[in-house]
Amino acid sequence: MLNRRRFEQSTSLKDRLAAFAKEAREKASLLQPGIEKDELLKKARQADVASHLDDWIRRDCGRQNEAAGRNRSATKHQRDTGLFLAS
């Protein structure tokens, strides 16, 4: 079985997306109007949207985790095996 190569990022996804968008906009500003410039600006907008989606997902997941902790109930298996300890 092949082992998957794992890589821990040194910067957050949000920071990498912001840096990419900034670089794409800088490159586009040097170009004449045309297809290449439009494509770079489109990629910069996509990176901005991806960053906002990442923020939204992280906020929403945090709320779900909090709600899950408050509304925690035992599954049938946990009750049957005694694995669930009510607090």
Foldseek 3Di string as FASTA:
>chain_A
DDDDDDDDDPDDLLVVLQVQLVVLQVVLVVDDDDDSSVVSNVSSVVSVVVSVVVVVVVVVVVVVVVVCVVPPDDDPVCVVVVVDDDD
